Amino acid sequence: MKTMSLRMPDYLKLAVNDICQSEKISLNQFILNALSEKVSALQTIDIIEKKAQKASKEDFLCALNQVSNNEPYENDKL
């Protein structure tokens, strides 16, 4: 595990400290959670973009044609 120094504006540090106190977590845990969420989101976007490059309209239409044409349930209607 590595240690790093972080500079942040005072207003942000105060806001994060308030959240940490109310959530009963450490500043370190908050930062790790925030970084993990961001990395996960960016990796998800990357995966979707890579899959989209392999996609074709023909394959999509073929899959769509295999779906039955049933009426939606009442609570699924817009």
Protein backbone atom coordinates (compact mmCIF):
# COMPACT_ATOMS: atom_id res chain seq x y z
CA MET A 1 0.00 0.00 0.00
CA LYS A 2 1.25 3.47 -0.86
CA THR A 3 0.97 6.73 1.02
CA MET A 4 0.37 10.01 -0.76
CA SER A 5 -0.04 13.63 0.11
CA LEU A 6 -3.15 15.49 -1.04
CA ARG A 7 -3.78 19.21 -1.30
CA MET A 8 -7.37 20.41 -1.28
CA PRO A 9 -9.07 23.74 -0.70
CA ASP A 10 -10.15 24.45 2.88
CA TYR A 11 -13.85 24.65 1.93
CA LEU A 12 -13.71 21.17 0.42
CA LYS A 13 -11.85 19.72 3.40
CA LEU A 14 -14.48 21.16 5.75
CA ALA A 15 -17.32 19.73 3.64
CA VAL A 16 -15.67 16.31 3.48
CA ASN A 17 -14.98 16.34 7.22
CA ASP A 18 -18.67 17.07 7.89
CA ILE A 19 -19.69 14.14 5.70
CA CYS A 20 -17.16 11.85 7.34
CA GLN A 21 -18.44 12.74 10.79
CA SER A 22 -22.08 12.22 9.84
CA GLU A 23 -21.28 8.91 8.08
CA LYS A 24 -18.90 7.84 10.85
CA ILE A 25 -16.05 7.06 8.45
CA SER A 26 -12.48 8.28 8.23
CA LEU A 27 -11.27 10.82 5.72
CA ASN A 28 -9.07 8.09 4.25
CA GLN A 29 -12.08 5.79 3.76
CA PHE A 30 -14.09 8.59 2.16
CA ILE A 31 -11.33 9.36 -0.33
CA LEU A 32 -10.83 5.66 -1.15
CA ASN A 33 -14.58 5.26 -1.73
CA ALA A 34 -14.72 8.35 -3.94
CA LEU A 35 -11.72 7.23 -5.99
CA SER A 36 -13.12 3.72 -6.34
CA GLU A 37 -16.46 5.04 -7.57
CA LYS A 38 -14.79 7.30 -10.14
CA VAL A 39 -12.47 4.57 -11.43
CA SER A 40 -15.39 2.16 -11.69
CA ALA A 41 -17.49 4.68 -13.62
CA LEU A 42 -14.68 5.41 -16.07
CA GLN A 43 -13.96 1.71 -16.58
CA THR A 44 -17.65 1.08 -17.21
CA ILE A 45 -17.74 3.79 -19.86
CA ASP A 46 -14.64 2.29 -21.47
CA ILE A 47 -16.21 -1.19 -21.54
CA ILE A 48 -19.44 0.14 -23.06
CA GLU A 49 -17.55 2.10 -25.71
CA LYS A 50 -15.49 -0.97 -26.67
CA LYS A 51 -18.64 -3.11 -26.93
CA ALA A 52 -20.34 -0.39 -28.98
CA GLN A 53 -17.49 -0.46 -31.50
CA LYS A 54 -18.18 -4.16 -32.10
CA ALA A 55 -21.94 -3.68 -32.39
CA SER A 56 -23.82 -3.60 -35.66
CA LYS A 57 -27.24 -2.31 -36.55
CA GLU A 58 -28.02 -5.57 -38.33
CA ASP A 59 -27.29 -7.66 -35.22
CA PHE A 60 -29.42 -5.32 -33.12
CA LEU A 61 -32.35 -5.52 -35.52
CA CYS A 62 -32.01 -9.31 -35.68
CA ALA A 63 -32.15 -9.55 -31.88
CA LEU A 64 -35.06 -7.10 -31.76
CA ASN A 65 -37.02 -9.20 -34.26
CA GLN A 66 -36.74 -12.18 -31.90
CA VAL A 67 -38.61 -10.34 -29.13
CA SER A 68 -42.30 -11.18 -28.95
CA ASN A 69 -44.76 -8.41 -29.64
CA ASN A 70 -46.79 -8.65 -26.43
CA GLU A 71 -48.57 -5.76 -24.77
CA PRO A 72 -46.69 -4.47 -21.71
CA TYR A 73 -48.05 -5.10 -18.25
CA GLU A 74 -50.33 -2.33 -17.04
CA ASN A 75 -47.75 -0.98 -14.54
CA ASP A 76 -45.07 -0.91 -17.28
CA LYS A 77 -47.02 1.34 -19.63
CA LEU A 78 -45.97 4.96 -20.01
